[in-house]
Amino acid sequence: MRKLLPLLFIVGSIATAQAQDTTAVRQACGDEVRSLCAGIMPGGGRIKQCMIEKFDQLSDACRSAVKDAKAQKGGK
């Protein structure tokens, strides 16, 4: 159990960081998603793909949030 606790802490920290990244992107990009990707059904990465295709139309704040989230994930 002692060896498991640090692992659980790390996994929890990663999940928290990813959730914060997602929240930041949603806050910064919500208007763009609603306007630029209005006809896109969520799921299967379709919204993400729409945002990639419309990247040049995103606000500076949204682009910055997306870039930050990508950097937190190791650029994947």
PDB file of N, CA and C in Angstrom:
ATOM      1  N   MET A   1       0.828  -1.201   0.000  1.00  0.00           N
ATOM      2  CA  MET A   1       0.000   0.000   0.000  1.00  0.00           C
ATOM      3  C   MET A   1       0.865   1.254   0.000  1.00  0.00           C
ATOM      4  N   ARG A   2       1.981   1.237   0.718  1.00  0.00           N
ATOM      5  CA  ARG A   2       2.856   2.413   0.759  1.00  0.00           C
ATOM      6  C   ARG A   2       3.423   2.745  -0.620  1.00  0.00           C
ATOM      7  N   LYS A   3       3.696   1.732  -1.424  1.00  0.00           N
ATOM      8  CA  LYS A   3       4.224   1.974  -2.762  1.00  0.00           C
ATOM      9  C   LYS A   3       3.131   2.478  -3.703  1.00  0.00           C
ATOM     10  N   LEU A   4       1.921   2.144  -3.402  1.00  0.00           N
ATOM     11  CA  LEU A   4       0.794   2.532  -4.244  1.00  0.00           C
ATOM     12  C   LEU A   4       0.403   3.995  -4.052  1.00  0.00           C
ATOM     13  N   LEU A   5       0.560   4.526  -2.863  1.00  0.00           N
ATOM     14  CA  LEU A   5       0.138   5.902  -2.582  1.00  0.00           C
ATOM     15  C   LEU A   5       0.856   6.938  -3.441  1.00  0.00           C
ATOM     16  N   PRO A   6       2.185   6.871  -3.584  1.00  0.00           N
ATOM     17  CA  PRO A   6       2.829   7.864  -4.461  1.00  0.00           C
ATOM     18  C   PRO A   6       2.347   7.767  -5.904  1.00  0.00           C
ATOM     19  N   LEU A   7       2.118   6.556  -6.381  1.00  0.00           N
ATOM     20  CA  LEU A   7       1.619   6.376  -7.736  1.00  0.00           C
ATOM     21  C   LEU A   7       0.237   6.998  -7.894  1.00  0.00           C
ATOM     22  N   LEU A   8      -0.633   6.782  -6.910  1.00  0.00           N
ATOM     23  CA  LEU A   8      -1.965   7.370  -6.955  1.00  0.00           C
ATOM     24  C   LEU A   8      -1.895   8.894  -6.933  1.00  0.00           C
ATOM     25  N   PHE A   9      -0.966   9.428  -6.152  1.00  0.00           N
ATOM     26  CA  PHE A   9      -0.785  10.878  -6.088  1.00  0.00           C
ATOM     27  C   PHE A   9      -0.361  11.422  -7.448  1.00  0.00           C
ATOM     28  N   ILE A  10       0.571  10.757  -8.104  1.00  0.00           N
ATOM     29  CA  ILE A  10       1.053  11.201  -9.413  1.00  0.00           C
ATOM     30  C   ILE A  10      -0.064  11.147 -10.443  1.00  0.00           C
ATOM     31  N   VAL A  11      -0.782  10.036 -10.469  1.00  0.00           N
ATOM     32  CA  VAL A  11      -1.892   9.895 -11.414  1.00  0.00           C
ATOM     33  C   VAL A  11      -2.948  10.969 -11.156  1.00  0.00           C
ATOM     34  N   GLY A  12      -3.254  11.211  -9.887  1.00  0.00           N
ATOM     35  CA  GLY A  12      -4.224  12.246  -9.539  1.00  0.00           C
ATOM     36  C   GLY A  12      -3.758  13.626  -9.958  1.00  0.00           C
ATOM     37  N   SER A  13      -2.464  13.901  -9.801  1.00  0.00           N
ATOM     38  CA  SER A  13      -1.909  15.194 -10.193  1.00  0.00           C
ATOM     39  C   SER A  13      -1.991  15.390 -11.698  1.00  0.00           C
ATOM     40  N   ILE A  14      -1.696  14.339 -12.451  1.00  0.00           N
ATOM     41  CA  ILE A  14      -1.774  14.417 -13.905  1.00  0.00           C
ATOM     42  C   ILE A  14      -3.217  14.664 -14.333  1.00  0.00           C
ATOM     43  N   ALA A  15      -4.134  13.936 -13.736  1.00  0.00           N
ATOM     44  CA  ALA A  15      -5.549  14.106 -14.081  1.00  0.00           C
ATOM     45  C   ALA A  15      -6.024  15.516 -13.759  1.00  0.00           C
ATOM     46  N   THR A  16      -5.574  16.059 -12.626  1.00  0.00           N
ATOM     47  CA  THR A  16      -5.954  17.418 -12.244  1.00  0.00           C
ATOM     48  C   THR A  16      -5.401  18.427 -13.238  1.00  0.00           C
ATOM     49  N   ALA A  17      -4.151  18.261 -13.635  1.00  0.00           N
ATOM     50  CA  ALA A  17      -3.537  19.172 -14.607  1.00  0.00           C
ATOM     51  C   ALA A  17      -4.272  19.113 -15.940  1.00  0.00           C
ATOM     52  N   GLN A  18      -4.631  17.907 -16.381  1.00  0.00           N
ATOM     53  CA  GLN A  18      -5.362  17.778 -17.640  1.00  0.00           C
ATOM     54  C   GLN A  18      -6.740  18.421 -17.543  1.00  0.00           C
ATOM     55  N   ALA A  19      -7.398  18.264 -16.404  1.00  0.00           N
ATOM     56  CA  ALA A  19      -8.716  18.870 -16.213  1.00  0.00           C
ATOM     57  C   ALA A  19      -8.606  20.390 -16.232  1.00  0.00           C
ATOM     58  N   GLN A  20      -7.545  20.937 -15.621  1.00  0.00           N
ATOM     59  CA  GLN A  20      -7.346  22.387 -15.625  1.00  0.00           C
ATOM     60  C   GLN A  20      -7.076  22.886 -17.029  1.00  0.00           C
ATOM     61  N   ASP A  21      -6.278  22.129 -17.808  1.00  0.00           N
ATOM     62  CA  ASP A  21      -6.011  22.499 -19.193  1.00  0.00           C
ATOM     63  C   ASP A  21      -7.303  22.525 -19.993  1.00  0.00           C
ATOM     64  N   THR A  22      -8.124  21.500 -19.813  1.00  0.00           N
ATOM     65  CA  THR A  22      -9.393  21.413 -20.532  1.00  0.00           C
ATOM     66  C   THR A  22     -10.297  22.576 -20.157  1.00  0.00           C
ATOM     67  N   THR A  23     -10.343  22.912 -18.878  1.00  0.00           N
ATOM     68  CA  THR A  23     -11.165  24.025 -18.424  1.00  0.00           C
ATOM     69  C   THR A  23     -10.673  25.335 -19.032  1.00  0.00           C
ATOM     70  N   ALA A  24      -9.366  25.540 -19.050  1.00  0.00           N
ATOM     71  CA  ALA A  24      -8.811  26.769 -19.617  1.00  0.00           C
ATOM     72  C   ALA A  24      -9.146  26.890 -21.098  1.00  0.00           C
ATOM     73  N   VAL A  25      -9.040  25.792 -21.816  1.00  0.00           N
ATOM     74  CA  VAL A  25      -9.363  25.810 -23.247  1.00  0.00           C
ATOM     75  C   VAL A  25     -10.853  26.072 -23.444  1.00  0.00           C
ATOM     76  N   ARG A  26     -11.683  25.425 -22.651  1.00  0.00           N
ATOM     77  CA  ARG A  26     -13.131  25.649 -22.785  1.00  0.00           C
ATOM     78  C   ARG A  26     -13.499  27.094 -22.500  1.00  0.00           C
ATOM     79  N   GLN A  27     -12.882  27.686 -21.483  1.00  0.00           N
ATOM     80  CA  GLN A  27     -13.190  29.080 -21.150  1.00  0.00           C
ATOM     81  C   GLN A  27     -12.711  30.019 -22.246  1.00  0.00           C
ATOM     82  N   ALA A  28     -11.514  29.773 -22.756  1.00  0.00           N
ATOM     83  CA  ALA A  28     -10.938  30.670 -23.757  1.00  0.00           C
ATOM     84  C   ALA A  28     -11.533  30.469 -25.141  1.00  0.00           C
ATOM     85  N   CYS A  29     -12.004  29.263 -25.427  1.00  0.00           N
ATOM     86  CA  CYS A  29     -12.428  28.931 -26.792  1.00  0.00           C
ATOM     87  C   CYS A  29     -13.917  28.657 -26.951  1.00  0.00           C
ATOM     88  N   GLY A  30     -14.665  28.775 -25.886  1.00  0.00           N
ATOM     89  CA  GLY A  30     -16.078  28.423 -25.943  1.00  0.00           C
ATOM     90  C   GLY A  30     -16.841  29.139 -27.044  1.00  0.00           C
ATOM     91  N   ASP A  31     -16.628  30.448 -27.166  1.00  0.00           N
ATOM     92  CA  ASP A  31     -17.350  31.214 -28.194  1.00  0.00           C
ATOM     93  C   ASP A  31     -16.969  30.761 -29.602  1.00  0.00           C
ATOM     94  N   GLU A  32     -15.668  30.508 -29.807  1.00  0.00           N
ATOM     95  CA  GLU A  32     -15.206  30.063 -31.119  1.00  0.00           C
ATOM     96  C   GLU A  32     -15.766  28.692 -31.471  1.00  0.00           C
ATOM     97  N   VAL A  33     -15.783  27.799 -30.507  1.00  0.00           N
ATOM     98  CA  VAL A  33     -16.322  26.462 -30.760  1.00  0.00           C
ATOM     99  C   VAL A  33     -17.789  26.568 -31.153  1.00  0.00           C
ATOM    100  N   ARG A  34     -18.522  27.389 -30.415  1.00  0.00           N
ATOM    101  CA  ARG A  34     -19.952  27.545 -30.713  1.00  0.00           C
ATOM    102  C   ARG A  34     -20.197  28.190 -32.087  1.00  0.00           C
ATOM    103  N   SER A  35     -19.329  29.109 -32.487  1.00  0.00           N
ATOM    104  CA  SER A  35     -19.563  29.785 -33.767  1.00  0.00           C
ATOM    105  C   SER A  35     -18.894  29.063 -34.944  1.00  0.00           C
ATOM    106  N   LEU A  36     -17.649  28.675 -34.801  1.00  0.00           N
ATOM    107  CA  LEU A  36     -16.926  28.074 -35.920  1.00  0.00           C
ATOM    108  C   LEU A  36     -17.247  26.596 -36.128  1.00  0.00           C
ATOM    109  N   CYS A  37     -17.623  25.918 -35.058  1.00  0.00           N
ATOM    110  CA  CYS A  37     -17.873  24.471 -35.136  1.00  0.00           C
ATOM    111  C   CYS A  37     -19.321  24.147 -34.774  1.00  0.00           C
ATOM    112  N   ALA A  38     -20.215  25.071 -35.077  1.00  0.00           N
ATOM    113  CA  ALA A  38     -21.617  24.951 -34.658  1.00  0.00           C
ATOM    114  C   ALA A  38     -22.293  23.670 -35.149  1.00  0.00           C
ATOM    115  N   GLY A  39     -22.005  23.227 -36.344  1.00  0.00           N
ATOM    116  CA  GLY A  39     -22.680  22.059 -36.889  1.00  0.00           C
ATOM    117  C   GLY A  39     -21.993  20.741 -36.598  1.00  0.00           C
ATOM    118  N   ILE A  40     -20.948  20.774 -35.784  1.00  0.00           N
ATOM    119  CA  ILE A  40     -20.160  19.573 -35.516  1.00  0.00           C
ATOM    120  C   ILE A  40     -20.714  18.854 -34.290  1.00  0.00           C
ATOM    121  N   MET A  41     -20.985  17.571 -34.428  1.00  0.00           N
ATOM    122  CA  MET A  41     -21.470  16.771 -33.306  1.00  0.00           C
ATOM    123  C   MET A  41     -20.277  16.386 -32.416  1.00  0.00           C
ATOM    124  N   PRO A  42     -20.361  16.668 -31.117  1.00  0.00           N
ATOM    125  CA  PRO A  42     -19.264  16.317 -30.213  1.00  0.00           C
ATOM    126  C   PRO A  42     -19.018  14.810 -30.165  1.00  0.00           C
ATOM    127  N   GLY A  43     -17.777  14.468 -29.869  1.00  0.00           N
ATOM    128  CA  GLY A  43     -17.393  13.066 -29.731  1.00  0.00           C
ATOM    129  C   GLY A  43     -16.465  12.638 -30.850  1.00  0.00           C
ATOM    130  N   GLY A  44     -15.611  11.700 -30.532  1.00  0.00           N
ATOM    131  CA  GLY A  44     -14.715  11.152 -31.532  1.00  0.00           C
ATOM    132  C   GLY A  44     -13.650  12.114 -32.019  1.00  0.00           C
ATOM    133  N   GLY A  45     -13.406  13.190 -31.268  1.00  0.00           N
ATOM    134  CA  GLY A  45     -12.383  14.154 -31.659  1.00  0.00           C
ATOM    135  C   GLY A  45     -12.822  15.126 -32.744  1.00  0.00           C
ATOM    136  N   ARG A  46     -14.119  15.157 -33.033  1.00  0.00           N
ATOM    137  CA  ARG A  46     -14.595  16.016 -34.116  1.00  0.00           C
ATOM    138  C   ARG A  46     -14.446  17.510 -33.810  1.00  0.00           C
ATOM    139  N   ILE A  47     -14.712  17.904 -32.575  1.00  0.00           N
ATOM    140  CA  ILE A  47     -14.552  19.321 -32.195  1.00  0.00           C
ATOM    141  C   ILE A  47     -13.078  19.703 -32.265  1.00  0.00           C
ATOM    142  N   LYS A  48     -12.225  18.845 -31.755  1.00  0.00           N
ATOM    143  CA  LYS A  48     -10.784  19.098 -31.807  1.00  0.00           C
ATOM    144  C   LYS A  48     -10.332  19.264 -33.256  1.00  0.00           C
ATOM    145  N   GLN A  49     -10.792  18.387 -34.128  1.00  0.00           N
ATOM    146  CA  GLN A  49     -10.426  18.475 -35.543  1.00  0.00           C
ATOM    147  C   GLN A  49     -10.936  19.770 -36.159  1.00  0.00           C
ATOM    148  N   CYS A  50     -12.142  20.163 -35.812  1.00  0.00           N
ATOM    149  CA  CYS A  50     -12.689  21.424 -36.304  1.00  0.00           C
ATOM    150  C   CYS A  50     -11.811  22.592 -35.863  1.00  0.00           C
ATOM    151  N   MET A  51     -11.405  22.579 -34.599  1.00  0.00           N
ATOM    152  CA  MET A  51     -10.563  23.668 -34.095  1.00  0.00           C
ATOM    153  C   MET A  51      -9.209  23.697 -34.796  1.00  0.00           C
ATOM    154  N   ILE A  52      -8.671  22.528 -35.112  1.00  0.00           N
ATOM    155  CA  ILE A  52      -7.403  22.465 -35.847  1.00  0.00           C
ATOM    156  C   ILE A  52      -7.585  23.078 -37.236  1.00  0.00           C
ATOM    157  N   GLU A  53      -8.669  22.706 -37.893  1.00  0.00           N
ATOM    158  CA  GLU A  53      -8.930  23.219 -39.239  1.00  0.00           C
ATOM    159  C   GLU A  53      -9.178  24.722 -39.250  1.00  0.00           C
ATOM    160  N   LYS A  54      -9.737  25.254 -38.169  1.00  0.00           N
ATOM    161  CA  LYS A  54     -10.075  26.677 -38.087  1.00  0.00           C
ATOM    162  C   LYS A  54      -9.079  27.457 -37.226  1.00  0.00           C
ATOM    163  N   PHE A  55      -7.916  26.870 -36.956  1.00  0.00           N
ATOM    164  CA  PHE A  55      -6.955  27.446 -36.016  1.00  0.00           C
ATOM    165  C   PHE A  55      -6.638  28.910 -36.330  1.00  0.00           C
ATOM    166  N   ASP A  56      -6.509  29.246 -37.606  1.00  0.00           N
ATOM    167  CA  ASP A  56      -6.164  30.621 -37.978  1.00  0.00           C
ATOM    168  C   ASP A  56      -7.289  31.610 -37.695  1.00  0.00           C
ATOM    169  N   GLN A  57      -8.505  31.102 -37.432  1.00  0.00           N
ATOM    170  CA  GLN A  57      -9.647  31.968 -37.134  1.00  0.00           C
ATOM    171  C   GLN A  57      -9.880  32.133 -35.631  1.00  0.00           C
ATOM    172  N   LEU A  58      -9.131  31.410 -34.808  1.00  0.00           N
ATOM    173  CA  LEU A  58      -9.315  31.469 -33.355  1.00  0.00           C
ATOM    174  C   LEU A  58      -8.745  32.754 -32.791  1.00  0.00           C
ATOM    175  N   SER A  59      -9.298  33.201 -31.685  1.00  0.00           N
ATOM    176  CA  SER A  59      -8.775  34.392 -31.011  1.00  0.00           C
ATOM    177  C   SER A  59      -7.392  34.094 -30.448  1.00  0.00           C
ATOM    178  N   ASP A  60      -6.657  35.149 -30.149  1.00  0.00           N
ATOM    179  CA  ASP A  60      -5.330  34.973 -29.557  1.00  0.00           C
ATOM    180  C   ASP A  60      -5.410  34.233 -28.228  1.00  0.00           C
ATOM    181  N   ALA A  61      -6.429  34.548 -27.427  1.00  0.00           N
ATOM    182  CA  ALA A  61      -6.586  33.893 -26.123  1.00  0.00           C
ATOM    183  C   ALA A  61      -6.845  32.404 -26.293  1.00  0.00           C
ATOM    184  N   CYS A  62      -7.658  32.051 -27.248  1.00  0.00           N
ATOM    185  CA  CYS A  62      -7.970  30.649 -27.493  1.00  0.00           C
ATOM    186  C   CYS A  62      -6.733  29.914 -28.006  1.00  0.00           C
ATOM    187  N   ARG A  63      -6.053  30.506 -28.968  1.00  0.00           N
ATOM    188  CA  ARG A  63      -4.832  29.868 -29.491  1.00  0.00           C
ATOM    189  C   ARG A  63      -3.802  29.666 -28.393  1.00  0.00           C
ATOM    190  N   SER A  64      -3.660  30.651 -27.535  1.00  0.00           N
ATOM    191  CA  SER A  64      -2.713  30.555 -26.432  1.00  0.00           C
ATOM    192  C   SER A  64      -3.092  29.420 -25.480  1.00  0.00           C
ATOM    193  N   ALA A  65      -4.378  29.306 -25.150  1.00  0.00           N
ATOM    194  CA  ALA A  65      -4.841  28.237 -24.253  1.00  0.00           C
ATOM    195  C   ALA A  65      -4.614  26.870 -24.883  1.00  0.00           C
ATOM    196  N   VAL A  66      -4.865  26.754 -26.187  1.00  0.00           N
ATOM    197  CA  VAL A  66      -4.650  25.483 -26.889  1.00  0.00           C
ATOM    198  C   VAL A  66      -3.170  25.118 -26.882  1.00  0.00           C
ATOM    199  N   LYS A  67      -2.313  26.110 -27.165  1.00  0.00           N
ATOM    200  CA  LYS A  67      -0.866  25.862 -27.176  1.00  0.00           C
ATOM    201  C   LYS A  67      -0.372  25.471 -25.790  1.00  0.00           C
ATOM    202  N   ASP A  68      -0.866  26.138 -24.748  1.00  0.00           N
ATOM    203  CA  ASP A  68      -0.472  25.803 -23.375  1.00  0.00           C
ATOM    204  C   ASP A  68      -0.892  24.388 -23.012  1.00  0.00           C
ATOM    205  N   ALA A  69      -2.112  24.022 -23.365  1.00  0.00           N
ATOM    206  CA  ALA A  69      -2.605  22.675 -23.067  1.00  0.00           C
ATOM    207  C   ALA A  69      -1.783  21.626 -23.801  1.00  0.00           C
ATOM    208  N   LYS A  70      -1.428  21.924 -25.044  1.00  0.00           N
ATOM    209  CA  LYS A  70      -0.612  21.001 -25.828  1.00  0.00           C
ATOM    210  C   LYS A  70       0.772  20.846 -25.196  1.00  0.00           C
ATOM    211  N   ALA A  71       1.348  21.950 -24.735  1.00  0.00           N
ATOM    212  CA  ALA A  71       2.664  21.903 -24.104  1.00  0.00           C
ATOM    213  C   ALA A  71       2.626  21.095 -22.813  1.00  0.00           C
ATOM    214  N   GLN A  72       1.526  21.214 -22.047  1.00  0.00           N
ATOM    215  CA  GLN A  72       1.384  20.456 -20.810  1.00  0.00           C
ATOM    216  C   GLN A  72       1.307  18.953 -21.077  1.00  0.00           C
ATOM    217  N   LYS A  73       0.797  18.593 -22.236  1.00  0.00           N
ATOM    218  CA  LYS A  73       0.677  17.185 -22.601  1.00  0.00           C
ATOM    219  C   LYS A  73       1.951  16.668 -23.255  1.00  0.00           C
ATOM    220  N   GLY A  74       2.963  17.510 -23.311  1.00  0.00           N
ATOM    221  CA  GLY A  74       4.226  17.094 -23.926  1.00  0.00           C
ATOM    222  C   GLY A  74       4.242  17.257 -25.423  1.00  0.00           C
ATOM    223  N   GLY A  75       3.376  18.126 -25.932  1.00  0.00           N
ATOM    224  CA  GLY A  75       3.375  18.408 -27.355  1.00  0.00           C
ATOM    225  C   GLY A  75       2.703  17.353 -28.202  1.00  0.00           C
ATOM    226  N   LYS A  76       1.981  16.440 -27.592  1.00  0.00           N
ATOM    227  CA  LYS A  76       1.331  15.367 -28.348  1.00  0.00           C
ATOM    228  C   LYS A  76       0.055  15.852 -28.981  1.00  0.00           C
TER     229      LYS A  76
END
